[in-house]
N, C-alpha and C. Protein backbone atom coordinates (compact mmCIF):
# COMPACT_ATOMS: atom_id res chain seq x y z
N MET A 1 -0.33 1.73 20.88
CA MET A 1 -0.77 1.52 19.54
C MET A 1 0.20 0.58 18.84
N LYS A 2 -0.34 -0.35 18.06
CA LYS A 2 0.47 -1.26 17.29
C LYS A 2 0.02 -1.22 15.85
N PHE A 3 0.98 -1.30 14.94
CA PHE A 3 0.62 -1.47 13.53
C PHE A 3 1.73 -2.22 12.83
N LYS A 4 1.40 -2.87 11.73
CA LYS A 4 2.37 -3.66 10.96
C LYS A 4 2.99 -2.76 9.90
N ALA A 5 4.27 -2.48 10.09
CA ALA A 5 4.97 -1.55 9.22
C ALA A 5 5.05 -2.04 7.77
N ASN A 6 5.11 -3.33 7.57
CA ASN A 6 5.24 -3.84 6.19
C ASN A 6 3.96 -3.69 5.38
N GLU A 7 2.87 -3.21 5.98
CA GLU A 7 1.64 -2.96 5.26
C GLU A 7 1.53 -1.55 4.74
N TYR A 8 2.59 -0.72 4.97
CA TYR A 8 2.60 0.67 4.58
C TYR A 8 3.88 1.03 3.87
N SER A 9 3.85 2.04 3.03
CA SER A 9 5.12 2.53 2.47
C SER A 9 5.88 3.26 3.57
N LYS A 10 7.19 3.44 3.37
CA LYS A 10 7.97 4.13 4.38
C LYS A 10 7.44 5.54 4.66
N GLY A 11 7.03 6.23 3.61
CA GLY A 11 6.47 7.58 3.78
C GLY A 11 5.15 7.57 4.55
N ASP A 12 4.33 6.57 4.27
CA ASP A 12 3.06 6.45 4.93
C ASP A 12 3.23 6.17 6.41
N ILE A 13 4.26 5.44 6.79
CA ILE A 13 4.52 5.14 8.20
C ILE A 13 4.76 6.41 8.98
N ILE A 14 5.60 7.28 8.48
CA ILE A 14 5.91 8.55 9.18
C ILE A 14 4.66 9.41 9.22
N LYS A 15 3.95 9.51 8.11
CA LYS A 15 2.72 10.33 8.07
C LYS A 15 1.68 9.76 9.05
N PHE A 16 1.51 8.45 9.07
CA PHE A 16 0.58 7.81 9.97
C PHE A 16 0.92 8.14 11.42
N ILE A 17 2.16 8.01 11.80
CA ILE A 17 2.58 8.30 13.18
C ILE A 17 2.35 9.75 13.49
N ARG A 18 2.72 10.64 12.57
CA ARG A 18 2.58 12.09 12.80
C ARG A 18 1.10 12.45 12.98
N GLN A 19 0.24 11.91 12.11
CA GLN A 19 -1.18 12.20 12.22
C GLN A 19 -1.78 11.59 13.50
N TRP A 20 -1.31 10.41 13.87
CA TRP A 20 -1.78 9.78 15.11
C TRP A 20 -1.42 10.64 16.34
N THR A 21 -0.27 11.29 16.26
CA THR A 21 0.15 12.15 17.39
C THR A 21 -0.53 13.51 17.36
N ASN A 22 -1.31 13.74 16.26
CA ASN A 22 -2.03 15.00 16.09
C ASN A 22 -1.11 16.22 16.05
N LEU A 23 0.04 16.04 15.38
CA LEU A 23 1.01 17.12 15.25
C LEU A 23 1.10 17.55 13.78
N THR A 24 1.41 18.83 13.60
CA THR A 24 1.70 19.33 12.27
C THR A 24 3.08 18.81 11.89
N GLN A 25 3.41 18.94 10.62
CA GLN A 25 4.76 18.53 10.21
C GLN A 25 5.83 19.34 10.95
N LYS A 26 5.58 20.61 11.14
CA LYS A 26 6.53 21.49 11.84
C LYS A 26 6.69 21.03 13.30
N ASP A 27 5.60 20.79 14.01
CA ASP A 27 5.68 20.38 15.40
C ASP A 27 6.28 18.96 15.54
N PHE A 28 5.90 18.06 14.65
CA PHE A 28 6.45 16.72 14.67
C PHE A 28 7.97 16.77 14.46
N ALA A 29 8.39 17.58 13.49
CA ALA A 29 9.82 17.72 13.19
C ALA A 29 10.59 18.21 14.41
N LYS A 30 10.03 19.16 15.09
CA LYS A 30 10.67 19.71 16.29
C LYS A 30 10.79 18.62 17.37
N LYS A 31 9.76 17.83 17.54
CA LYS A 31 9.76 16.77 18.57
C LYS A 31 10.80 15.67 18.27
N VAL A 32 11.02 15.39 16.96
CA VAL A 32 11.93 14.31 16.61
C VAL A 32 13.32 14.80 16.19
N GLY A 33 13.53 16.10 16.28
CA GLY A 33 14.87 16.64 15.99
C GLY A 33 15.22 16.70 14.51
N LYS A 34 14.23 16.91 13.66
CA LYS A 34 14.46 17.03 12.22
C LYS A 34 13.84 18.32 11.74
N SER A 35 14.14 18.68 10.50
CA SER A 35 13.53 19.90 9.94
C SER A 35 12.16 19.54 9.36
N LYS A 36 11.32 20.54 9.22
CA LYS A 36 10.00 20.33 8.58
C LYS A 36 10.19 19.79 7.19
N ARG A 37 11.15 20.30 6.48
CA ARG A 37 11.41 19.83 5.10
C ARG A 37 11.80 18.35 5.08
N THR A 38 12.56 17.93 6.05
CA THR A 38 12.92 16.51 6.13
C THR A 38 11.70 15.62 6.32
N ILE A 39 10.81 16.06 7.22
CA ILE A 39 9.58 15.32 7.47
C ILE A 39 8.73 15.29 6.18
N GLU A 40 8.64 16.40 5.49
CA GLU A 40 7.94 16.44 4.21
C GLU A 40 8.51 15.44 3.24
N ASP A 41 9.85 15.40 3.16
CA ASP A 41 10.53 14.47 2.24
C ASP A 41 10.31 13.02 2.66
N TYR A 42 10.33 12.74 3.95
CA TYR A 42 10.05 11.38 4.43
C TYR A 42 8.64 10.95 4.01
N GLU A 43 7.67 11.83 4.27
CA GLU A 43 6.28 11.51 3.99
C GLU A 43 6.00 11.32 2.50
N SER A 44 6.69 12.13 1.68
CA SER A 44 6.50 12.00 0.22
C SER A 44 7.25 10.83 -0.38
N GLY A 45 8.19 10.33 0.37
CA GLY A 45 9.00 9.19 -0.13
C GLY A 45 10.20 9.61 -0.92
N THR A 46 10.49 10.91 -0.98
CA THR A 46 11.67 11.37 -1.72
C THR A 46 12.96 11.18 -0.96
N THR A 47 12.87 11.02 0.34
CA THR A 47 14.01 10.78 1.19
C THR A 47 13.70 9.61 2.10
N ASN A 48 14.67 8.71 2.23
CA ASN A 48 14.51 7.57 3.13
C ASN A 48 15.10 7.85 4.48
N TYR A 49 14.59 7.20 5.49
CA TYR A 49 15.14 7.30 6.83
C TYR A 49 15.61 5.90 7.20
N ASN A 50 16.42 5.83 8.26
CA ASN A 50 16.94 4.52 8.66
C ASN A 50 16.08 3.92 9.78
N ILE A 51 16.29 2.66 10.03
CA ILE A 51 15.49 1.95 11.03
C ILE A 51 15.69 2.55 12.43
N GLN A 52 16.86 3.06 12.73
CA GLN A 52 17.08 3.67 14.03
C GLN A 52 16.15 4.86 14.25
N PHE A 53 15.92 5.66 13.23
CA PHE A 53 15.00 6.79 13.34
C PHE A 53 13.59 6.29 13.68
N LEU A 54 13.18 5.26 12.99
CA LEU A 54 11.86 4.67 13.26
C LEU A 54 11.78 4.14 14.69
N LYS A 55 12.82 3.48 15.16
CA LYS A 55 12.85 2.99 16.55
C LYS A 55 12.80 4.14 17.53
N ASP A 56 13.53 5.21 17.23
CA ASP A 56 13.54 6.36 18.14
C ASP A 56 12.16 7.02 18.26
N ILE A 57 11.47 7.18 17.14
CA ILE A 57 10.16 7.81 17.26
C ILE A 57 9.13 6.85 17.89
N ALA A 58 9.32 5.56 17.65
CA ALA A 58 8.43 4.57 18.30
C ALA A 58 8.60 4.67 19.82
N ASN A 59 9.83 4.78 20.28
CA ASN A 59 10.06 4.93 21.74
C ASN A 59 9.51 6.24 22.26
N LYS A 60 9.74 7.31 21.53
CA LYS A 60 9.28 8.65 21.96
C LYS A 60 7.77 8.70 22.10
N PHE A 61 7.06 8.05 21.18
CA PHE A 61 5.57 8.14 21.21
C PHE A 61 4.95 6.85 21.74
N GLU A 62 5.75 5.99 22.34
CA GLU A 62 5.27 4.74 22.95
C GLU A 62 4.47 3.89 21.98
N LEU A 63 5.10 3.59 20.85
CA LEU A 63 4.45 2.77 19.80
C LEU A 63 5.17 1.44 19.71
N ASP A 64 4.43 0.40 19.36
CA ASP A 64 5.00 -0.90 19.01
C ASP A 64 4.88 -1.02 17.52
N ILE A 65 6.00 -1.12 16.86
CA ILE A 65 6.01 -1.27 15.40
C ILE A 65 6.49 -2.66 15.07
N ILE A 66 5.69 -3.41 14.35
CA ILE A 66 5.96 -4.79 14.02
C ILE A 66 6.41 -4.82 12.55
N ILE A 67 7.54 -5.41 12.32
CA ILE A 67 8.01 -5.62 10.95
C ILE A 67 8.17 -7.11 10.77
N SER A 68 7.43 -7.67 9.81
CA SER A 68 7.47 -9.08 9.61
C SER A 68 7.57 -9.39 8.12
N LYS A 69 8.04 -10.61 7.84
CA LYS A 69 8.11 -11.04 6.48
C LYS A 69 6.73 -11.24 5.86
N LYS A 70 6.64 -10.94 4.60
CA LYS A 70 5.40 -11.18 3.86
C LYS A 70 5.35 -12.69 3.59
N ARG A 71 4.18 -13.26 3.64
CA ARG A 71 4.02 -14.68 3.36
C ARG A 71 3.38 -14.93 2.04
């Protein structure tokens, strides 16, 4: 699966990946080594994650995430 990350908010990206994997927040959190609360915060946009976290989950779920400049 490929999607353009710059077309979504940071919270939407995590939610989109989680929903695509068909996992609950609790199960997704367990798979990526975070708490359910952290995933909730990422999805709501109240907490930011770093690019390394995004790269790690992309690798874990075999995703290609494209980040490009807006034109």
